[in-house]
C-alpha cells in the first residue's frame, strides 16, 4: 500500500439524489471530495501525465454520476462513485469519497450532511 495520495476537493454538481421525493424532482447541489492512493514515484521522476492518474477523468466521472444518479441515499451515490473510480484505473490502491449536501432540506437545520466511504482493492483498506 502506497502512502502517496492525490486530493480532489470541492467537486460541485447538481443532482437528484435524496430520500424525500422533492429531492429527486427538484434536485440540489452536491459537493464531493476524493482522495486517491496511488504510487506517484514514477510520475515524480518522469514528469509525464501517463505515469500518474489523470484526475481530470475522475472529476468528469464524479460530475456525471452526481448529475445522472437517482439514488435515495447519498451513501449509494458515494459507493457508486468509489467503485467507478477504482474500476477505471488499476493503479489505484484505494479511494476515499466524501459526498456532502450543503443545503439538505431539513427544517430548522442549516448544517451540512456528509457521508464518507473508503474502498480499496485489498479486503481491509487502511
N, C-alpha and C. Protein backbone atom coordinates (compact mmCIF):
# COMPACT_ATOMS: atom_id res chain seq x y z
N UNK A 1 0.84 -1.18 0.00
CA UNK A 1 0.00 0.00 0.00
C UNK A 1 0.88 1.24 0.00
N UNK A 2 0.60 2.10 -0.92
CA UNK A 2 1.38 3.33 -1.02
C UNK A 2 0.82 4.41 -0.07
N UNK A 3 1.69 5.30 0.31
CA UNK A 3 1.28 6.43 1.15
C UNK A 3 1.05 7.68 0.32
N UNK A 4 1.36 7.62 -0.99
CA UNK A 4 1.16 8.77 -1.87
C UNK A 4 -0.34 8.94 -2.12
N UNK A 5 -0.75 10.22 -2.26
CA UNK A 5 -2.17 10.50 -2.46
C UNK A 5 -2.36 11.67 -3.40
N UNK A 6 -3.47 11.64 -4.09
CA UNK A 6 -3.96 12.78 -4.87
C UNK A 6 -5.28 13.19 -4.23
N UNK A 7 -5.43 14.50 -3.96
CA UNK A 7 -6.65 15.02 -3.35
C UNK A 7 -7.41 15.85 -4.38
N UNK A 8 -8.69 15.56 -4.54
CA UNK A 8 -9.58 16.34 -5.40
C UNK A 8 -10.70 16.85 -4.50
N UNK A 9 -10.76 18.14 -4.28
CA UNK A 9 -11.73 18.67 -3.33
C UNK A 9 -12.66 19.68 -4.00
N UNK A 10 -13.86 19.77 -3.45
CA UNK A 10 -14.80 20.77 -3.91
C UNK A 10 -15.39 20.53 -5.28
N UNK A 11 -15.53 19.28 -5.68
CA UNK A 11 -16.18 18.97 -6.96
C UNK A 11 -17.68 19.20 -6.75
N UNK A 12 -18.24 20.16 -7.48
CA UNK A 12 -19.65 20.51 -7.31
C UNK A 12 -20.46 20.12 -8.54
N UNK A 13 -21.65 19.57 -8.28
CA UNK A 13 -22.57 19.23 -9.37
C UNK A 13 -23.99 19.22 -8.83
N UNK A 14 -24.93 19.47 -9.71
CA UNK A 14 -26.35 19.48 -9.34
C UNK A 14 -26.92 18.11 -9.66
N UNK A 15 -27.58 17.51 -8.67
CA UNK A 15 -28.11 16.16 -8.88
C UNK A 15 -29.45 15.96 -8.22
N UNK A 16 -29.95 14.74 -8.35
CA UNK A 16 -31.32 14.40 -7.93
C UNK A 16 -31.34 13.21 -6.97
N UNK A 17 -30.37 13.11 -6.11
CA UNK A 17 -30.28 12.05 -5.12
C UNK A 17 -30.92 12.55 -3.83
N UNK A 18 -31.79 11.73 -3.26
CA UNK A 18 -32.40 12.11 -1.99
C UNK A 18 -33.56 11.20 -1.63
N UNK A 19 -33.79 11.07 -0.36
CA UNK A 19 -34.85 10.21 0.15
C UNK A 19 -36.22 10.87 0.00
N UNK A 20 -36.26 12.19 0.16
CA UNK A 20 -37.52 12.92 0.03
C UNK A 20 -37.86 13.05 -1.45
N UNK A 21 -39.10 12.73 -1.86
CA UNK A 21 -39.43 12.77 -3.29
C UNK A 21 -39.10 14.10 -3.97
N UNK A 22 -39.25 15.21 -3.26
CA UNK A 22 -38.94 16.51 -3.85
C UNK A 22 -37.47 16.62 -4.24
N UNK A 23 -36.60 15.96 -3.49
CA UNK A 23 -35.17 16.00 -3.82
C UNK A 23 -34.91 15.34 -5.16
N UNK A 24 -35.68 14.30 -5.46
CA UNK A 24 -35.48 13.58 -6.72
C UNK A 24 -36.11 14.31 -7.90
N UNK A 25 -37.00 15.28 -7.61
CA UNK A 25 -37.64 16.05 -8.67
C UNK A 25 -36.95 17.41 -8.84
N UNK A 26 -36.77 18.13 -7.73
CA UNK A 26 -36.20 19.48 -7.79
C UNK A 26 -34.68 19.47 -7.83
N UNK A 27 -34.07 18.46 -7.21
CA UNK A 27 -32.61 18.38 -7.18
C UNK A 27 -31.99 19.34 -6.20
N UNK A 28 -30.67 19.27 -6.10
CA UNK A 28 -29.91 20.12 -5.20
C UNK A 28 -28.43 20.01 -5.55
N UNK A 29 -27.63 20.90 -4.97
CA UNK A 29 -26.19 20.87 -5.17
C UNK A 29 -25.55 19.82 -4.26
N UNK A 30 -24.54 19.18 -4.78
CA UNK A 30 -23.72 18.23 -4.02
C UNK A 30 -22.27 18.65 -4.17
N UNK A 31 -21.50 18.37 -3.13
CA UNK A 31 -20.05 18.56 -3.18
C UNK A 31 -19.38 17.23 -2.89
N UNK A 32 -18.35 16.94 -3.64
CA UNK A 32 -17.66 15.66 -3.50
C UNK A 32 -16.17 15.93 -3.36
N UNK A 33 -15.56 15.28 -2.37
CA UNK A 33 -14.11 15.29 -2.20
C UNK A 33 -13.62 13.86 -2.40
N UNK A 34 -12.52 13.71 -3.10
CA UNK A 34 -11.98 12.39 -3.41
C UNK A 34 -10.50 12.36 -3.05
N UNK A 35 -10.07 11.30 -2.39
CA UNK A 35 -8.66 11.05 -2.15
C UNK A 35 -8.29 9.75 -2.84
N UNK A 36 -7.22 9.78 -3.61
CA UNK A 36 -6.77 8.62 -4.38
C UNK A 36 -5.41 8.19 -3.86
N UNK A 37 -5.27 6.92 -3.50
CA UNK A 37 -3.98 6.37 -3.10
C UNK A 37 -3.36 5.72 -4.33
N UNK A 38 -2.20 6.25 -4.74
CA UNK A 38 -1.50 5.75 -5.92
C UNK A 38 -0.02 6.06 -5.78
N UNK A 39 0.81 5.18 -6.26
CA UNK A 39 2.26 5.40 -6.22
C UNK A 39 2.61 6.50 -7.21
N UNK A 40 3.12 7.60 -6.70
CA UNK A 40 3.45 8.75 -7.54
C UNK A 40 4.94 8.86 -7.85
N UNK A 41 5.74 7.87 -7.44
CA UNK A 41 7.19 7.98 -7.61
C UNK A 41 7.60 8.03 -9.08
N UNK A 42 6.98 7.23 -9.93
CA UNK A 42 7.35 7.23 -11.35
C UNK A 42 7.03 8.58 -11.98
N UNK A 43 5.85 9.12 -11.71
CA UNK A 43 5.46 10.42 -12.26
C UNK A 43 6.34 11.54 -11.70
N UNK A 44 6.74 11.40 -10.44
CA UNK A 44 7.60 12.40 -9.83
C UNK A 44 8.95 12.48 -10.51
N UNK A 45 9.41 11.36 -11.05
CA UNK A 45 10.71 11.33 -11.73
C UNK A 45 10.59 11.68 -13.21
N UNK A 46 9.51 11.21 -13.86
CA UNK A 46 9.37 11.38 -15.31
C UNK A 46 8.73 12.70 -15.71
N UNK A 47 7.88 13.25 -14.84
CA UNK A 47 7.12 14.47 -15.14
C UNK A 47 6.20 14.27 -16.35
N UNK A 48 5.66 13.04 -16.50
CA UNK A 48 4.75 12.73 -17.61
C UNK A 48 3.38 12.32 -17.07
N UNK A 49 2.33 12.84 -17.71
CA UNK A 49 0.97 12.60 -17.26
C UNK A 49 0.60 11.12 -17.29
N UNK A 50 1.10 10.37 -18.25
CA UNK A 50 0.70 8.96 -18.34
C UNK A 50 1.34 8.10 -17.24
N UNK A 51 2.23 8.68 -16.45
CA UNK A 51 2.82 7.95 -15.33
C UNK A 51 2.08 8.21 -14.02
N UNK A 52 0.97 8.93 -14.10
CA UNK A 52 0.16 9.20 -12.92
C UNK A 52 -1.30 8.99 -13.27
N UNK A 53 -2.16 9.25 -12.34
CA UNK A 53 -3.61 9.16 -12.57
C UNK A 53 -4.08 10.48 -13.15
N UNK A 54 -4.78 10.42 -14.26
CA UNK A 54 -5.32 11.63 -14.88
C UNK A 54 -6.59 12.02 -14.14
N UNK A 55 -6.45 12.92 -13.18
CA UNK A 55 -7.57 13.24 -12.30
C UNK A 55 -8.68 14.00 -13.01
N UNK A 56 -8.42 14.52 -14.20
CA UNK A 56 -9.50 15.17 -14.97
C UNK A 56 -10.60 14.16 -15.27
N UNK A 57 -10.21 12.92 -15.56
CA UNK A 57 -11.20 11.87 -15.84
C UNK A 57 -12.00 11.52 -14.59
N UNK A 58 -11.35 11.55 -13.44
CA UNK A 58 -12.06 11.28 -12.19
C UNK A 58 -13.08 12.38 -11.91
N UNK A 59 -12.69 13.62 -12.12
CA UNK A 59 -13.62 14.73 -11.92
C UNK A 59 -14.82 14.58 -12.85
N UNK A 60 -14.59 14.24 -14.11
CA UNK A 60 -15.68 14.03 -15.06
C UNK A 60 -16.59 12.89 -14.61
N UNK A 61 -16.00 11.81 -14.10
CA UNK A 61 -16.79 10.67 -13.62
C UNK A 61 -17.68 11.08 -12.46
N UNK A 62 -17.11 11.81 -11.51
CA UNK A 62 -17.89 12.26 -10.35
C UNK A 62 -19.04 13.15 -10.78
N UNK A 63 -18.76 14.13 -11.61
CA UNK A 63 -19.81 15.05 -12.05
C UNK A 63 -20.91 14.31 -12.80
N UNK A 64 -20.52 13.40 -13.67
CA UNK A 64 -21.51 12.63 -14.43
C UNK A 64 -22.40 11.79 -13.51
N UNK A 65 -21.80 11.13 -12.52
CA UNK A 65 -22.59 10.31 -11.61
C UNK A 65 -23.53 11.15 -10.75
N UNK A 66 -23.07 12.29 -10.28
CA UNK A 66 -23.95 13.16 -9.48
C UNK A 66 -25.12 13.63 -10.34
N UNK A 67 -24.86 14.02 -11.58
CA UNK A 67 -25.90 14.56 -12.45
C UNK A 67 -26.92 13.51 -12.88
N UNK A 68 -26.50 12.26 -13.03
CA UNK A 68 -27.38 11.25 -13.62
C UNK A 68 -27.94 10.22 -12.65
N UNK A 69 -27.42 10.15 -11.43
CA UNK A 69 -27.88 9.12 -10.48
C UNK A 69 -29.21 9.52 -9.85
N UNK A 70 -30.00 8.50 -9.55
CA UNK A 70 -31.31 8.73 -8.91
C UNK A 70 -31.45 7.87 -7.65
N UNK A 71 -30.41 7.78 -6.88
CA UNK A 71 -30.44 7.02 -5.64
C UNK A 71 -31.28 7.75 -4.59
N UNK A 72 -31.78 7.00 -3.63
CA UNK A 72 -32.47 7.61 -2.49
C UNK A 72 -31.47 8.10 -1.45
N UNK A 73 -30.32 7.45 -1.37
CA UNK A 73 -29.36 7.74 -0.31
C UNK A 73 -28.02 8.23 -0.89
N UNK A 74 -27.43 9.21 -0.20
CA UNK A 74 -26.10 9.66 -0.64
C UNK A 74 -25.05 8.58 -0.36
N UNK A 75 -25.36 7.65 0.54
CA UNK A 75 -24.45 6.52 0.76
C UNK A 75 -24.30 5.71 -0.53
N UNK A 76 -25.41 5.52 -1.25
CA UNK A 76 -25.36 4.77 -2.51
C UNK A 76 -24.61 5.55 -3.57
N UNK A 77 -24.76 6.86 -3.58
CA UNK A 77 -24.01 7.69 -4.52
C UNK A 77 -22.52 7.61 -4.24
N UNK A 78 -22.14 7.71 -2.98
CA UNK A 78 -20.72 7.62 -2.60
C UNK A 78 -20.13 6.27 -3.02
N UNK A 79 -20.87 5.21 -2.80
CA UNK A 79 -20.41 3.87 -3.19
C UNK A 79 -20.24 3.76 -4.70
N UNK A 80 -21.21 4.27 -5.46
CA UNK A 80 -21.12 4.22 -6.92
C UNK A 80 -19.92 5.01 -7.43
N UNK A 81 -19.66 6.16 -6.84
CA UNK A 81 -18.50 6.96 -7.24
C UNK A 81 -17.21 6.21 -6.94
N UNK A 82 -17.09 5.66 -5.75
CA UNK A 82 -15.87 4.93 -5.37
C UNK A 82 -15.61 3.76 -6.30
N UNK A 83 -16.64 2.97 -6.58
CA UNK A 83 -16.47 1.80 -7.44
C UNK A 83 -16.12 2.20 -8.87
N UNK A 84 -16.75 3.27 -9.37
CA UNK A 84 -16.46 3.74 -10.72
C UNK A 84 -15.01 4.20 -10.85
N UNK A 85 -14.54 4.93 -9.86
CA UNK A 85 -13.16 5.42 -9.90
C UNK A 85 -12.17 4.25 -9.86
N UNK A 86 -12.39 3.31 -8.95
CA UNK A 86 -11.49 2.16 -8.85
C UNK A 86 -11.47 1.34 -10.14
N UNK A 87 -12.62 1.23 -10.78
CA UNK A 87 -12.71 0.39 -11.98
C UNK A 87 -11.99 1.01 -13.18
N UNK A 88 -11.72 2.31 -13.13
CA UNK A 88 -11.13 2.99 -14.29
C UNK A 88 -9.62 3.09 -14.26
N UNK A 89 -8.99 2.74 -13.14
CA UNK A 89 -7.53 2.82 -13.08
C UNK A 89 -7.01 1.77 -12.10
N UNK A 90 -6.43 0.71 -12.64
CA UNK A 90 -5.95 -0.40 -11.81
C UNK A 90 -4.76 -0.02 -10.93
N UNK A 91 -4.14 1.12 -11.19
CA UNK A 91 -3.01 1.56 -10.38
C UNK A 91 -3.44 2.12 -9.03
N UNK A 92 -4.71 2.45 -8.89
CA UNK A 92 -5.20 3.00 -7.62
C UNK A 92 -5.28 1.89 -6.57
N UNK A 93 -4.70 2.14 -5.41
CA UNK A 93 -4.77 1.18 -4.31
C UNK A 93 -6.10 1.28 -3.58
N UNK A 94 -6.52 2.52 -3.34
CA UNK A 94 -7.80 2.73 -2.68
C UNK A 94 -8.28 4.15 -2.97
N UNK A 95 -9.55 4.37 -2.65
CA UNK A 95 -10.16 5.68 -2.88
C UNK A 95 -11.06 6.01 -1.69
N UNK A 96 -11.04 7.26 -1.32
CA UNK A 96 -11.93 7.76 -0.27
C UNK A 96 -12.83 8.79 -0.93
N UNK A 97 -14.15 8.65 -0.73
CA UNK A 97 -15.12 9.55 -1.34
C UNK A 97 -15.98 10.14 -0.24
N UNK A 98 -16.06 11.46 -0.22
CA UNK A 98 -16.93 12.17 0.72
C UNK A 98 -17.96 12.94 -0.09
N UNK A 99 -19.24 12.62 0.12
CA UNK A 99 -20.34 13.30 -0.57
C UNK A 99 -21.08 14.15 0.44
N UNK A 100 -21.24 15.44 0.12
CA UNK A 100 -21.91 16.38 1.03
C UNK A 100 -23.13 17.00 0.36
N UNK A 101 -24.14 17.23 1.18
CA UNK A 101 -25.30 18.04 0.79
C UNK A 101 -25.15 19.36 1.54
N UNK A 102 -24.74 20.42 0.86
CA UNK A 102 -24.53 21.69 1.56
C UNK A 102 -25.82 22.31 2.10
N UNK A 103 -26.95 21.97 1.50
CA UNK A 103 -28.22 22.57 1.92
C UNK A 103 -29.31 21.50 1.97
N UNK A 104 -29.15 20.53 2.84
CA UNK A 104 -30.14 19.45 2.96
C UNK A 104 -31.50 20.03 3.35
N UNK A 105 -32.57 19.54 2.73
CA UNK A 105 -33.90 20.08 3.01
C UNK A 105 -34.50 19.56 4.32
N UNK A 106 -33.92 19.99 5.41
CA UNK A 106 -34.37 19.60 6.74
C UNK A 106 -34.76 20.87 7.48
N UNK A 107 -36.03 20.97 7.92
CA UNK A 107 -36.46 22.20 8.61
C UNK A 107 -35.58 22.52 9.81
N UNK A 108 -35.28 23.80 9.97
CA UNK A 108 -34.51 24.33 11.10
C UNK A 108 -33.10 23.76 11.19
N UNK A 109 -32.55 23.31 10.07
CA UNK A 109 -31.18 22.78 10.06
C UNK A 109 -30.41 23.48 8.96
N UNK A 110 -29.38 24.20 9.34
CA UNK A 110 -28.58 24.95 8.35
C UNK A 110 -27.21 24.32 8.14
N UNK A 111 -27.01 23.12 8.68
CA UNK A 111 -25.71 22.46 8.56
C UNK A 111 -25.55 21.71 7.25
N UNK A 112 -24.53 20.93 7.21
CA UNK A 112 -24.16 20.15 6.03
C UNK A 112 -24.26 18.67 6.41
N UNK A 113 -24.82 17.87 5.51
CA UNK A 113 -24.89 16.42 5.68
C UNK A 113 -23.80 15.82 4.78
N UNK A 114 -23.02 14.88 5.31
CA UNK A 114 -21.97 14.25 4.51
C UNK A 114 -21.81 12.79 4.90
N UNK A 115 -21.45 11.99 3.92
CA UNK A 115 -21.05 10.60 4.17
C UNK A 115 -19.69 10.40 3.52
N UNK A 116 -18.95 9.45 4.05
CA UNK A 116 -17.61 9.17 3.53
C UNK A 116 -17.42 7.67 3.48
N UNK A 117 -16.93 7.19 2.34
CA UNK A 117 -16.61 5.77 2.20
C UNK A 117 -15.15 5.63 1.81
N UNK A 118 -14.55 4.55 2.24
CA UNK A 118 -13.18 4.21 1.90
C UNK A 118 -13.20 2.83 1.27
N UNK A 119 -12.79 2.74 0.02
CA UNK A 119 -12.81 1.46 -0.69
C UNK A 119 -11.44 1.21 -1.30
N UNK A 120 -11.04 -0.05 -1.29
CA UNK A 120 -9.75 -0.40 -1.86
C UNK A 120 -9.78 -1.74 -2.54
N UNK A 121 -8.64 -2.08 -3.07
CA UNK A 121 -8.51 -3.37 -3.76
C UNK A 121 -8.26 -4.50 -2.78
N UNK A 122 -7.70 -4.17 -1.61
CA UNK A 122 -7.47 -5.21 -0.61
C UNK A 122 -8.72 -5.32 0.26
N UNK A 123 -8.92 -6.47 0.95
CA UNK A 123 -10.11 -6.65 1.76
C UNK A 123 -10.22 -5.67 2.91
N UNK A 124 -9.10 -5.19 3.44
CA UNK A 124 -9.11 -4.27 4.59
C UNK A 124 -8.28 -3.04 4.31
N UNK A 125 -8.86 -2.03 3.61
CA UNK A 125 -8.07 -0.83 3.34
C UNK A 125 -7.73 -0.11 4.64
N UNK A 126 -6.58 0.56 4.65
CA UNK A 126 -6.14 1.31 5.83
C UNK A 126 -6.92 2.59 5.97
